[in-house]
Amino acid sequence: MLKLNQVTESAKADEKTAKETVKSAKADVETAKETVKSAKADVETAKNSVPTANKSWENSK
């Protein structure tokens, strides 16, 4: 019976580890979403900077 208890405890520990892994993965997904959102904003900023840079370059000639 001792072996069955050991297996049960091991399975419970594995389940807890799996839940923690899922929780961590969900947090990683949220972080990735925020990173993508930030990158999109950076792209928009860069797009808006190009005309200004072009105008400045033209004015400096």
C-alpha atoms as a PDB file:
ATOM      1  CA  MET A   1       0.000   0.000   0.000  1.00  0.00           C
ATOM      2  CA  LEU A   2       2.934   2.259   0.611  1.00  0.00           C
ATOM      3  CA  LYS A   3       3.798   2.243  -3.069  1.00  0.00           C
ATOM      4  CA  LEU A   4       0.279   3.310  -4.022  1.00  0.00           C
ATOM      5  CA  ASN A   5       0.506   6.242  -1.609  1.00  0.00           C
ATOM      6  CA  GLN A   6       3.880   7.205  -3.055  1.00  0.00           C
ATOM      7  CA  VAL A   7       2.441   7.124  -6.582  1.00  0.00           C
ATOM      8  CA  THR A   8      -0.566   9.170  -5.487  1.00  0.00           C
ATOM      9  CA  GLU A   9       1.653  11.792  -3.833  1.00  0.00           C
ATOM     10  CA  SER A  10       3.876  11.895  -6.900  1.00  0.00           C
ATOM     11  CA  ALA A  11       0.860  12.344  -9.167  1.00  0.00           C
ATOM     12  CA  LYS A  12      -0.413  15.172  -6.962  1.00  0.00           C
ATOM     13  CA  ALA A  13       2.980  16.859  -7.119  1.00  0.00           C
ATOM     14  CA  ASP A  14       3.043  16.443 -10.910  1.00  0.00           C
ATOM     15  CA  GLU A  15      -0.430  17.963 -11.167  1.00  0.00           C
ATOM     16  CA  LYS A  16       0.658  20.936  -9.065  1.00  0.00           C
ATOM     17  CA  THR A  17       3.746  21.380 -11.257  1.00  0.00           C
ATOM     18  CA  ALA A  18       1.611  21.198 -14.392  1.00  0.00           C
ATOM     19  CA  LYS A  19      -0.775  23.843 -13.032  1.00  0.00           C
ATOM     20  CA  GLU A  20       2.156  26.116 -12.211  1.00  0.00           C
ATOM     21  CA  THR A  21       3.542  25.584 -15.715  1.00  0.00           C
ATOM     22  CA  VAL A  22       0.195  26.504 -17.275  1.00  0.00           C
ATOM     23  CA  LYS A  23      -0.040  29.594 -15.077  1.00  0.00           C
ATOM     24  CA  SER A  24       3.464  30.628 -16.122  1.00  0.00           C
ATOM     25  CA  ALA A  25       2.718  29.982 -19.799  1.00  0.00           C
ATOM     26  CA  LYS A  26      -0.407  32.144 -19.597  1.00  0.00           C
ATOM     27  CA  ALA A  27       1.649  34.947 -18.092  1.00  0.00           C
ATOM     28  CA  ASP A  28       4.198  34.517 -20.907  1.00  0.00           C
ATOM     29  CA  VAL A  29       1.406  34.820 -23.475  1.00  0.00           C
ATOM     30  CA  GLU A  30       0.189  38.034 -21.860  1.00  0.00           C
ATOM     31  CA  THR A  31       3.744  39.393 -21.882  1.00  0.00           C
ATOM     32  CA  ALA A  32       4.079  38.472 -25.554  1.00  0.00           C
ATOM     33  CA  LYS A  33       0.797  40.236 -26.349  1.00  0.00           C
ATOM     34  CA  GLU A  34       2.054  43.386 -24.621  1.00  0.00           C
ATOM     35  CA  THR A  35       5.341  43.131 -26.528  1.00  0.00           C
ATOM     36  CA  VAL A  36       3.489  42.893 -29.839  1.00  0.00           C
ATOM     37  CA  LYS A  37       1.285  45.838 -28.885  1.00  0.00           C
ATOM     38  CA  SER A  38       4.372  47.877 -28.023  1.00  0.00           C
ATOM     39  CA  ALA A  39       6.118  46.871 -31.247  1.00  0.00           C
ATOM     40  CA  LYS A  40       3.088  47.936 -33.281  1.00  0.00           C
ATOM     41  CA  ALA A  41       3.138  51.306 -31.554  1.00  0.00           C
ATOM     42  CA  ASP A  42       6.868  51.600 -32.326  1.00  0.00           C
ATOM     43  CA  VAL A  43       6.166  50.869 -35.987  1.00  0.00           C
ATOM     44  CA  GLU A  44       3.502  53.575 -36.086  1.00  0.00           C
ATOM     45  CA  THR A  45       5.892  56.027 -34.468  1.00  0.00           C
ATOM     46  CA  ALA A  46       8.539  55.166 -37.028  1.00  0.00           C
ATOM     47  CA  LYS A  47       6.060  55.576 -39.885  1.00  0.00           C
ATOM     48  CA  ASN A  48       5.114  59.008 -38.565  1.00  0.00           C
ATOM     49  CA  SER A  49       8.771  59.984 -38.182  1.00  0.00           C
ATOM     50  CA  VAL A  50       9.685  59.319 -41.811  1.00  0.00           C
ATOM     51  CA  PRO A  51       7.782  62.280 -43.321  1.00  0.00           C
ATOM     52  CA  THR A  52       9.202  64.576 -40.655  1.00  0.00           C
ATOM     53  CA  ALA A  53      12.714  63.321 -41.315  1.00  0.00           C
ATOM     54  CA  ASN A  54      12.235  63.718 -45.054  1.00  0.00           C
ATOM     55  CA  LYS A  55      10.969  67.264 -44.612  1.00  0.00           C
ATOM     56  CA  SER A  56      13.910  68.129 -42.361  1.00  0.00           C
ATOM     57  CA  TRP A  57      16.333  66.668 -44.875  1.00  0.00           C
ATOM     58  CA  GLU A  58      14.731  68.618 -47.720  1.00  0.00           C
ATOM     59  CA  ASN A  59      14.886  71.839 -45.677  1.00  0.00           C
ATOM     60  CA  SER A  60      18.543  71.287 -44.888  1.00  0.00           C
ATOM     61  CA  LYS A  61      19.590  71.211 -48.539  1.00  0.00           C
END
